[in-house]
C-alpha atoms as a PDB file:
ATOM      1  CA  MET A   1     -28.471  10.571  63.517  1.00  0.00           C
ATOM      2  CA  ARG A   2     -24.726   9.681  63.388  1.00  0.00           C
ATOM      3  CA  LEU A   3     -22.129  12.201  64.633  1.00  0.00           C
ATOM      4  CA  VAL A   4     -18.374  12.450  64.236  1.00  0.00           C
ATOM      5  CA  ARG A   5     -16.494  12.015  67.463  1.00  0.00           C
ATOM      6  CA  ALA A   6     -15.734  15.520  68.775  1.00  0.00           C
ATOM      7  CA  SER A   7     -12.757  14.584  70.741  1.00  0.00           C
ATOM      8  CA  CYS A   8      -9.143  14.168  69.519  1.00  0.00           C
ATOM      9  CA  SER A   9      -7.845  13.065  72.990  1.00  0.00           C
ATOM     10  CA  ALA A  10     -10.288  10.348  73.021  1.00  0.00           C
ATOM     11  CA  TRP A  11      -8.538   8.826  70.097  1.00  0.00           C
ATOM     12  CA  SER A  12      -5.212   9.465  71.420  1.00  0.00           C
ATOM     13  CA  VAL A  13      -4.691  11.520  68.198  1.00  0.00           C
ATOM     14  CA  PRO A  14      -2.874  14.964  68.607  1.00  0.00           C
ATOM     15  CA  PRO A  15      -4.303  18.169  67.298  1.00  0.00           C
ATOM     16  CA  PHE A  16      -3.250  18.766  63.623  1.00  0.00           C
ATOM     17  CA  SER A  17      -0.268  20.904  62.949  1.00  0.00           C
ATOM     18  CA  PRO A  18      -0.045  21.934  59.336  1.00  0.00           C
ATOM     19  CA  GLN A  19       3.606  21.729  59.298  1.00  0.00           C
ATOM     20  CA  GLY A  20       4.140  18.867  61.562  1.00  0.00           C
ATOM     21  CA  THR A  21       1.665  16.018  60.936  1.00  0.00           C
ATOM     22  CA  GLN A  22       1.321  15.617  57.181  1.00  0.00           C
ATOM     23  CA  ALA A  23       2.975  13.005  55.099  1.00  0.00           C
ATOM     24  CA  GLU A  24       4.597  14.164  51.888  1.00  0.00           C
ATOM     25  CA  GLY A  25       2.822  13.035  48.831  1.00  0.00           C
ATOM     26  CA  TYR A  26       2.318  13.548  45.075  1.00  0.00           C
ATOM     27  CA  ASN A  27       0.928  16.586  43.283  1.00  0.00           C
ATOM     28  CA  GLY A  28       3.355  18.821  45.231  1.00  0.00           C
ATOM     29  CA  LEU A  29       1.304  18.761  48.202  1.00  0.00           C
ATOM     30  CA  CYS A  30       1.211  17.101  51.527  1.00  0.00           C
ATOM     31  CA  ALA A  31      -1.134  14.197  52.075  1.00  0.00           C
ATOM     32  CA  PRO A  32      -4.336  14.493  54.423  1.00  0.00           C
ATOM     33  CA  PRO A  33      -3.865  15.370  58.053  1.00  0.00           C
ATOM     34  CA  LEU A  34      -3.707  12.322  60.339  1.00  0.00           C
ATOM     35  CA  ALA A  35      -6.723  13.627  62.304  1.00  0.00           C
ATOM     36  CA  THR A  36      -9.762  13.558  60.052  1.00  0.00           C
ATOM     37  CA  VAL A  37     -13.599  14.057  60.194  1.00  0.00           C
ATOM     38  CA  ALA A  38     -15.618  11.699  58.098  1.00  0.00           C
ATOM     39  CA  VAL A  39     -18.921  13.403  57.538  1.00  0.00           C
ATOM     40  CA  HIS A  40     -20.969  10.936  55.437  1.00  0.00           C
ATOM     41  CA  SER A  41     -23.345  10.026  58.132  1.00  0.00           C
ATOM     42  CA  ILE A  42     -24.548  13.596  59.013  1.00  0.00           C
ATOM     43  CA  GLN A  43     -27.418  14.938  57.249  1.00  0.00           C
ATOM     44  CA  ASN A  44     -29.313  17.332  59.649  1.00  0.00           C
ATOM     45  CA  GLY A  45     -28.142  20.856  58.971  1.00  0.00           C
ATOM     46  CA  ARG A  46     -28.014  21.568  62.828  1.00  0.00           C
ATOM     47  CA  HIS A  47     -26.139  18.429  63.625  1.00  0.00           C
ATOM     48  CA  VAL A  48     -23.586  19.369  60.832  1.00  0.00           C
ATOM     49  CA  LYS A  49     -22.926  22.762  62.304  1.00  0.00           C
ATOM     50  CA  ARG A  50     -22.631  21.446  65.690  1.00  0.00           C
ATOM     51  CA  SER A  51     -20.447  18.524  64.863  1.00  0.00           C
ATOM     52  CA  LEU A  52     -17.990  20.597  62.723  1.00  0.00           C
ATOM     53  CA  HIS A  53     -17.730  23.256  65.329  1.00  0.00           C
ATOM     54  CA  ASP A  54     -16.837  20.713  67.894  1.00  0.00           C
ATOM     55  CA  VAL A  55     -14.373  18.728  65.951  1.00  0.00           C
ATOM     56  CA  THR A  56     -12.445  21.934  64.729  1.00  0.00           C
ATOM     57  CA  GLN A  57     -12.252  23.032  68.146  1.00  0.00           C
ATOM     58  CA  ALA A  58     -10.908  19.812  69.248  1.00  0.00           C
ATOM     59  CA  GLY A  59      -8.174  20.070  66.594  1.00  0.00           C
ATOM     60  CA  TYR A  60      -9.379  18.172  63.596  1.00  0.00           C
ATOM     61  CA  ARG A  61      -8.434  19.814  60.359  1.00  0.00           C
ATOM     62  CA  HIS A  62      -9.357  17.396  57.554  1.00  0.00           C
ATOM     63  CA  ILE A  63     -12.946  17.214  56.452  1.00  0.00           C
ATOM     64  CA  ASP A  64     -13.868  14.366  54.260  1.00  0.00           C
ATOM     65  CA  CYS A  65     -16.966  15.001  52.100  1.00  0.00           C
ATOM     66  CA  ALA A  66     -18.318  13.514  48.807  1.00  0.00           C
ATOM     67  CA  ARG A  67     -21.055  14.374  46.476  1.00  0.00           C
ATOM     68  CA  VAL A  68     -22.910  11.278  47.117  1.00  0.00           C
ATOM     69  CA  TYR A  69     -23.314  11.835  50.889  1.00  0.00           C
ATOM     70  CA  GLY A  70     -25.958  14.464  50.092  1.00  0.00           C
ATOM     71  CA  ASN A  71     -24.776  16.877  52.660  1.00  0.00           C
ATOM     72  CA  GLU A  72     -22.300  19.272  50.967  1.00  0.00           C
ATOM     73  CA  LYS A  73     -24.860  22.173  51.165  1.00  0.00           C
ATOM     74  CA  GLU A  74     -25.171  21.710  54.975  1.00  0.00           C
ATOM     75  CA  ILE A  75     -21.412  21.470  55.331  1.00  0.00           C
ATOM     76  CA  GLY A  76     -20.816  24.616  53.159  1.00  0.00           C
ATOM     77  CA  LEU A  77     -23.336  26.571  55.590  1.00  0.00           C
ATOM     78  CA  ALA A  78     -21.410  25.234  58.444  1.00  0.00           C
ATOM     79  CA  LEU A  79     -18.068  26.136  57.062  1.00  0.00           C
ATOM     80  CA  LYS A  80     -19.312  29.683  56.291  1.00  0.00           C
ATOM     81  CA  LYS A  81     -20.273  30.108  59.916  1.00  0.00           C
ATOM     82  CA  LEU A  82     -16.969  28.797  61.169  1.00  0.00           C
ATOM     83  CA  PHE A  83     -14.986  31.130  59.082  1.00  0.00           C
ATOM     84  CA  ALA A  84     -17.201  34.062  59.887  1.00  0.00           C
ATOM     85  CA  GLU A  85     -16.919  33.438  63.567  1.00  0.00           C
ATOM     86  CA  GLY A  86     -13.078  33.030  63.385  1.00  0.00           C
ATOM     87  CA  VAL A  87     -13.244  29.503  64.773  1.00  0.00           C
ATOM     88  CA  VAL A  88     -10.860  28.370  61.844  1.00  0.00           C
ATOM     89  CA  LYS A  89      -9.480  29.737  58.732  1.00  0.00           C
ATOM     90  CA  ARG A  90      -9.919  28.286  55.370  1.00  0.00           C
ATOM     91  CA  GLU A  91      -6.286  27.866  54.842  1.00  0.00           C
ATOM     92  CA  ASP A  92      -6.024  25.902  58.111  1.00  0.00           C
ATOM     93  CA  LEU A  93      -8.386  23.206  56.747  1.00  0.00           C
ATOM     94  CA  PHE A  94      -7.815  20.355  54.488  1.00  0.00           C
ATOM     95  CA  ILE A  95     -11.162  19.622  52.739  1.00  0.00           C
ATOM     96  CA  THR A  96     -11.724  16.390  50.324  1.00  0.00           C
ATOM     97  CA  SER A  97     -14.549  15.637  48.244  1.00  0.00           C
ATOM     98  CA  LYS A  98     -15.176  12.804  45.639  1.00  0.00           C
ATOM     99  CA  LEU A  99     -16.490  12.387  42.061  1.00  0.00           C
ATOM    100  CA  TRP A 100     -19.412  10.123  42.016  1.00  0.00           C
ATOM    101  CA  ASN A 101     -19.675   7.105  39.478  1.00  0.00           C
ATOM    102  CA  ASP A 102     -22.187   8.753  37.135  1.00  0.00           C
ATOM    103  CA  HIS A 103     -19.924  11.790  36.499  1.00  0.00           C
ATOM    104  CA  HIS A 104     -16.793   9.912  34.942  1.00  0.00           C
ATOM    105  CA  ALA A 105     -17.216  11.068  31.470  1.00  0.00           C
ATOM    106  CA  PRO A 106     -14.465  13.730  30.963  1.00  0.00           C
ATOM    107  CA  GLU A 107     -16.986  16.460  30.046  1.00  0.00           C
ATOM    108  CA  ASP A 108     -18.904  15.631  33.313  1.00  0.00           C
ATOM    109  CA  VAL A 109     -15.972  15.927  35.732  1.00  0.00           C
ATOM    110  CA  PRO A 110     -15.679  19.683  35.972  1.00  0.00           C
ATOM    111  CA  GLU A 111     -19.429  19.996  36.233  1.00  0.00           C
ATOM    112  CA  ALA A 112     -19.287  17.620  39.190  1.00  0.00           C
ATOM    113  CA  LEU A 113     -16.473  19.468  40.985  1.00  0.00           C
ATOM    114  CA  ASN A 114     -18.174  22.903  40.280  1.00  0.00           C
ATOM    115  CA  GLU A 115     -21.458  21.664  41.914  1.00  0.00           C
ATOM    116  CA  SER A 116     -19.395  20.411  45.006  1.00  0.00           C
ATOM    117  CA  LEU A 117     -17.523  23.739  45.353  1.00  0.00           C
ATOM    118  CA  ASN A 118     -20.734  25.739  44.967  1.00  0.00           C
ATOM    119  CA  ASP A 119     -22.485  23.831  47.834  1.00  0.00           C
ATOM    120  CA  LEU A 120     -19.432  23.864  49.990  1.00  0.00           C
ATOM    121  CA  GLN A 121     -19.132  27.610  49.352  1.00  0.00           C
ATOM    122  CA  LEU A 122     -15.390  27.011  48.441  1.00  0.00           C
ATOM    123  CA  ASP A 123     -13.047  28.330  45.675  1.00  0.00           C
ATOM    124  CA  TYR A 124     -10.881  25.096  45.765  1.00  0.00           C
ATOM    125  CA  LEU A 125     -10.533  21.730  47.270  1.00  0.00           C
ATOM    126  CA  ASP A 126      -7.329  20.449  48.859  1.00  0.00           C
ATOM    127  CA  LEU A 127      -8.064  17.074  47.468  1.00  0.00           C
ATOM    128  CA  TYR A 128     -10.510  15.604  44.950  1.00  0.00           C
ATOM    129  CA  LEU A 129     -10.826  11.735  44.455  1.00  0.00           C
ATOM    130  CA  ILE A 130     -12.400   9.440  41.993  1.00  0.00           C
ATOM    131  CA  HIS A 131     -14.726   7.689  44.381  1.00  0.00           C
ATOM    132  CA  TRP A 132     -14.773   4.261  42.929  1.00  0.00           C
ATOM    133  CA  PRO A 133     -13.218   2.619  39.760  1.00  0.00           C
ATOM    134  CA  PHE A 134     -16.502   1.859  38.091  1.00  0.00           C
ATOM    135  CA  SER A 135     -19.026   3.971  36.069  1.00  0.00           C
ATOM    136  CA  VAL A 136     -22.733   4.184  35.597  1.00  0.00           C
ATOM    137  CA  LYS A 137     -24.758   6.159  33.259  1.00  0.00           C
ATOM    138  CA  LYS A 138     -25.225   9.817  34.122  1.00  0.00           C
ATOM    139  CA  GLY A 139     -28.122  10.493  36.556  1.00  0.00           C
ATOM    140  CA  THR A 140     -28.559   6.858  37.493  1.00  0.00           C
ATOM    141  CA  ASN A 141     -27.845   4.704  40.620  1.00  0.00           C
ATOM    142  CA  THR A 142     -25.452   1.636  40.996  1.00  0.00           C
ATOM    143  CA  SER A 143     -27.910  -0.958  39.767  1.00  0.00           C
ATOM    144  CA  PRO A 144     -26.005  -3.510  37.487  1.00  0.00           C
ATOM    145  CA  GLU A 145     -28.096  -2.463  34.571  1.00  0.00           C
ATOM    146  CA  ASN A 146     -26.665   1.130  34.691  1.00  0.00           C
ATOM    147  CA  PHE A 147     -23.122  -0.002  34.493  1.00  0.00           C
ATOM    148  CA  VAL A 148     -21.006   1.322  31.667  1.00  0.00           C
ATOM    149  CA  THR A 149     -17.485   0.324  30.723  1.00  0.00           C
ATOM    150  CA  PRO A 150     -15.170   2.828  32.801  1.00  0.00           C
ATOM    151  CA  ASP A 151     -12.439   4.783  31.083  1.00  0.00           C
ATOM    152  CA  ILE A 152     -10.363   5.851  34.033  1.00  0.00           C
ATOM    153  CA  PRO A 153      -7.502   7.257  31.970  1.00  0.00           C
ATOM    154  CA  ALA A 154     -10.039   9.595  30.396  1.00  0.00           C
ATOM    155  CA  THR A 155     -11.579  10.404  33.655  1.00  0.00           C
ATOM    156  CA  TRP A 156      -8.254  10.966  35.067  1.00  0.00           C
ATOM    157  CA  GLY A 157      -7.294  13.372  32.167  1.00  0.00           C
ATOM    158  CA  ALA A 158     -10.148  15.641  33.269  1.00  0.00           C
ATOM    159  CA  MET A 159      -9.113  15.430  36.901  1.00  0.00           C
ATOM    160  CA  GLU A 160      -5.625  16.527  35.838  1.00  0.00           C
ATOM    161  CA  LYS A 161      -7.083  19.635  34.252  1.00  0.00           C
ATOM    162  CA  LEU A 162      -8.844  20.533  37.422  1.00  0.00           C
ATOM    163  CA  TYR A 163      -5.580  20.146  39.228  1.00  0.00           C
ATOM    164  CA  ASP A 164      -3.807  22.433  36.540  1.00  0.00           C
ATOM    165  CA  ALA A 165      -6.503  25.059  37.016  1.00  0.00           C
ATOM    166  CA  GLY A 166      -6.012  25.108  40.788  1.00  0.00           C
ATOM    167  CA  LYS A 167      -9.559  24.018  41.557  1.00  0.00           C
ATOM    168  CA  ALA A 168      -8.089  20.942  43.209  1.00  0.00           C
ATOM    169  CA  ARG A 169      -4.798  21.186  44.823  1.00  0.00           C
ATOM    170  CA  ALA A 170      -4.224  17.593  44.842  1.00  0.00           C
ATOM    171  CA  ILE A 171      -5.991  14.796  43.014  1.00  0.00           C
ATOM    172  CA  GLY A 172      -6.338  11.001  43.954  1.00  0.00           C
ATOM    173  CA  VAL A 173      -8.649   8.032  44.024  1.00  0.00           C
ATOM    174  CA  SER A 174     -10.583   5.837  46.374  1.00  0.00           C
ATOM    175  CA  ASN A 175     -11.395   2.032  46.493  1.00  0.00           C
ATOM    176  CA  PHE A 176      -8.697   1.263  43.959  1.00  0.00           C
ATOM    177  CA  SER A 177      -6.789  -2.168  44.175  1.00  0.00           C
ATOM    178  CA  SER A 178      -2.986  -2.035  43.612  1.00  0.00           C
ATOM    179  CA  LYS A 179      -3.610  -3.314  40.110  1.00  0.00           C
ATOM    180  CA  LYS A 180      -6.122  -0.410  39.196  1.00  0.00           C
ATOM    181  CA  LEU A 181      -3.763   1.952  40.874  1.00  0.00           C
ATOM    182  CA  GLY A 182      -0.782   0.651  39.068  1.00  0.00           C
ATOM    183  CA  ASP A 183      -2.698   0.874  35.546  1.00  0.00           C
ATOM    184  CA  LEU A 184      -3.397   4.512  36.425  1.00  0.00           C
ATOM    185  CA  LEU A 185       0.163   5.312  37.400  1.00  0.00           C
ATOM    186  CA  ALA A 186       1.258   3.985  34.170  1.00  0.00           C
ATOM    187  CA  VAL A 187      -0.611   6.525  32.101  1.00  0.00           C
ATOM    188  CA  ALA A 188      -1.103   9.443  34.544  1.00  0.00           C
ATOM    189  CA  ARG A 189       0.607  12.815  33.732  1.00  0.00           C
ATOM    190  CA  VAL A 190      -0.195  13.837  37.441  1.00  0.00           C
ATOM    191  CA  PRO A 191       0.183  10.820  39.627  1.00  0.00           C
ATOM    192  CA  PRO A 192      -2.553  10.356  42.230  1.00  0.00           C
ATOM    193  CA  ALA A 193      -1.621  11.578  45.446  1.00  0.00           C
ATOM    194  CA  VAL A 194      -3.921   9.408  47.707  1.00  0.00           C
ATOM    195  CA  ASP A 195      -5.798   6.148  47.532  1.00  0.00           C
ATOM    196  CA  GLN A 196      -8.539   6.097  50.137  1.00  0.00           C
ATOM    197  CA  VAL A 197      -9.776   2.554  51.001  1.00  0.00           C
ATOM    198  CA  GLU A 198     -11.124   0.677  53.903  1.00  0.00           C
ATOM    199  CA  CYS A 199      -8.286  -0.263  56.201  1.00  0.00           C
ATOM    200  CA  HIS A 200      -8.028  -1.554  59.822  1.00  0.00           C
ATOM    201  CA  PRO A 201      -6.292  -4.382  61.701  1.00  0.00           C
ATOM    202  CA  GLY A 202      -8.994  -6.819  60.368  1.00  0.00           C
ATOM    203  CA  TRP A 203      -8.356  -5.893  56.756  1.00  0.00           C
ATOM    204  CA  GLN A 204      -4.807  -4.746  56.593  1.00  0.00           C
ATOM    205  CA  GLN A 205      -4.612  -4.145  52.693  1.00  0.00           C
ATOM    206  CA  THR A 206      -0.987  -5.424  52.938  1.00  0.00           C
ATOM    207  CA  LYS A 207      -0.478  -5.603  49.184  1.00  0.00           C
ATOM    208  CA  LEU A 208      -1.840  -2.257  48.515  1.00  0.00           C
ATOM    209  CA  HIS A 209       0.076  -0.664  51.629  1.00  0.00           C
ATOM    210  CA  THR A 210       3.349  -2.130  50.222  1.00  0.00           C
ATOM    211  CA  PHE A 211       2.452  -0.831  46.594  1.00  0.00           C
ATOM    212  CA  CYS A 212       1.599   2.503  47.972  1.00  0.00           C
ATOM    213  CA  GLN A 213       4.913   2.755  49.866  1.00  0.00           C
ATOM    214  CA  SER A 214       6.736   1.858  46.660  1.00  0.00           C
ATOM    215  CA  THR A 215       5.198   4.338  44.512  1.00  0.00           C
ATOM    216  CA  GLY A 216       4.825   7.369  46.903  1.00  0.00           C
ATOM    217  CA  VAL A 217       1.025   7.274  46.890  1.00  0.00           C
ATOM    218  CA  HIS A 218      -0.453   8.140  50.349  1.00  0.00           C
ATOM    219  CA  LEU A 219      -2.915   5.336  51.830  1.00  0.00           C
ATOM    220  CA  SER A 220      -5.871   6.986  53.630  1.00  0.00           C
ATOM    221  CA  ALA A 221      -7.980   4.526  55.723  1.00  0.00           C
ATOM    222  CA  TYR A 222     -11.772   4.958  55.987  1.00  0.00           C
ATOM    223  CA  SER A 223     -13.650   2.725  58.577  1.00  0.00           C
ATOM    224  CA  PRO A 224     -10.474   2.162  60.603  1.00  0.00           C
ATOM    225  CA  LEU A 225     -12.610   0.522  63.348  1.00  0.00           C
ATOM    226  CA  GLY A 226     -14.232  -1.869  60.904  1.00  0.00           C
ATOM    227  CA  SER A 227     -17.586  -0.129  60.418  1.00  0.00           C
ATOM    228  CA  PRO A 228     -19.482  -1.570  63.517  1.00  0.00           C
ATOM    229  CA  GLY A 229     -23.209  -1.361  62.842  1.00  0.00           C
ATOM    230  CA  THR A 230     -22.876  -2.151  59.201  1.00  0.00           C
ATOM    231  CA  SER A 231     -23.374  -5.324  57.407  1.00  0.00           C
ATOM    232  CA  TRP A 232     -21.547  -4.912  54.064  1.00  0.00           C
ATOM    233  CA  MET A 233     -18.235  -4.020  55.474  1.00  0.00           C
ATOM    234  CA  ASN A 234     -15.641  -5.941  57.581  1.00  0.00           C
ATOM    235  CA  GLY A 235     -17.371  -6.123  60.879  1.00  0.00           C
ATOM    236  CA  ASN A 236     -16.432  -4.754  64.224  1.00  0.00           C
ATOM    237  CA  VAL A 237     -12.622  -4.721  65.028  1.00  0.00           C
ATOM    238  CA  LEU A 238     -13.428  -3.487  68.457  1.00  0.00           C
ATOM    239  CA  LYS A 239     -14.762  -6.851  69.605  1.00  0.00           C
ATOM    240  CA  GLU A 240     -11.656  -8.759  68.159  1.00  0.00           C
ATOM    241  CA  PRO A 241     -10.052 -10.573  71.001  1.00  0.00           C
ATOM    242  CA  VAL A 242      -6.511  -9.657  69.891  1.00  0.00           C
ATOM    243  CA  ILE A 243      -7.416  -6.022  70.006  1.00  0.00           C
ATOM    244  CA  ILE A 244      -9.143  -6.341  73.436  1.00  0.00           C
ATOM    245  CA  SER A 245      -6.127  -8.066  74.717  1.00  0.00           C
ATOM    246  CA  ILE A 246      -3.682  -5.438  73.564  1.00  0.00           C
ATOM    247  CA  ALA A 247      -5.784  -2.611  74.868  1.00  0.00           C
ATOM    248  CA  GLU A 248      -5.960  -4.141  78.280  1.00  0.00           C
ATOM    249  CA  LYS A 249      -2.245  -4.650  78.306  1.00  0.00           C
ATOM    250  CA  LEU A 250      -1.584  -1.093  77.357  1.00  0.00           C
ATOM    251  CA  GLY A 251      -4.387   0.557  79.346  1.00  0.00           C
ATOM    252  CA  LYS A 252      -6.016   1.917  76.303  1.00  0.00           C
ATOM    253  CA  THR A 253      -9.357   1.416  74.541  1.00  0.00           C
ATOM    254  CA  PRO A 254      -9.757  -0.998  71.749  1.00  0.00           C
ATOM    255  CA  ALA A 255     -10.682   2.097  69.414  1.00  0.00           C
ATOM    256  CA  GLN A 256      -7.244   3.758  70.385  1.00  0.00           C
ATOM    257  CA  VAL A 257      -5.341   0.493  69.593  1.00  0.00           C
ATOM    258  CA  ALA A 258      -7.193   0.197  66.244  1.00  0.00           C
ATOM    259  CA  LEU A 259      -6.446   3.873  65.318  1.00  0.00           C
ATOM    260  CA  ARG A 260      -2.973   3.661  66.487  1.00  0.00           C
ATOM    261  CA  TRP A 261      -2.318   0.531  64.141  1.00  0.00           C
ATOM    262  CA  ASN A 262      -3.251   2.619  61.221  1.00  0.00           C
ATOM    263  CA  ILE A 263      -1.249   5.686  62.123  1.00  0.00           C
ATOM    264  CA  GLN A 264       1.799   3.730  62.903  1.00  0.00           C
ATOM    265  CA  MET A 265       1.367   2.078  59.384  1.00  0.00           C
ATOM    266  CA  GLY A 266       1.764   5.666  58.165  1.00  0.00           C
ATOM    267  CA  HIS A 267      -1.977   5.987  57.094  1.00  0.00           C
ATOM    268  CA  SER A 268      -4.251   8.788  57.779  1.00  0.00           C
ATOM    269  CA  VAL A 269      -7.535   7.696  59.290  1.00  0.00           C
ATOM    270  CA  LEU A 270     -11.128   8.785  58.902  1.00  0.00           C
ATOM    271  CA  PRO A 271     -12.926   7.733  62.163  1.00  0.00           C
ATOM    272  CA  LYS A 272     -16.698   8.417  62.909  1.00  0.00           C
ATOM    273  CA  SER A 273     -18.892   7.778  65.735  1.00  0.00           C
ATOM    274  CA  THR A 274     -22.573   7.789  66.814  1.00  0.00           C
ATOM    275  CA  ASN A 275     -21.778   9.943  69.818  1.00  0.00           C
ATOM    276  CA  GLU A 276     -20.139  13.243  70.612  1.00  0.00           C
ATOM    277  CA  GLY A 277     -17.857  12.315  73.319  1.00  0.00           C
END
């Protein structure tokens, strides 16, 4: 069972201050806190409760969820317990979820958000993202035979209505290239606040970083350590000789160096770990 890391100090990331560590973004709302909990690997309800308790105690305030992760009900129960025990208040958390590829039709977008809100036991999300810029038939998986032509402007129009209604206090995208992000910006009434992508020293997203800076879109980095243990992403940054060398010179760990790189670039980071310490 994969657990989020439960120590801010281990990453050399300071505890989140709502006024002090957010970056201004679109939608009239600040961008995600720099210290973020990525929960997509946690399925067991007991582990979810323990992990969220530990990381909120450690100072993390951004909880990154998605419908496709299959654990929003467990997260909702854990959040309810945290609120009831006074560990943290709802207004102190920044909670993100994502629209999956089979709910891109405009009429399906509010249904998807309502399902996430119901499972998370929340009245609103701080940030709601289009998870990927491609679409599949409703109720199907991502096998090629299920692909349909995406209509991102239409999907975005439905996202804007959720923003207008206050159900999502900010809206954005994930896994969008600079070209796809630019196409959306050209037609959006409410510009996307965030583009969440894989980003780390081994995959620096230089073009997208520059484009986001020029347009005011916040870049949020998932897999900031390069997804060690997976085969389909960009390897293990922690074993890169240049990262190891820098860490040795600075008296830091390779993980601290990799995370610091993203933070100095102005990105929020979504680290995860297989251990609690």
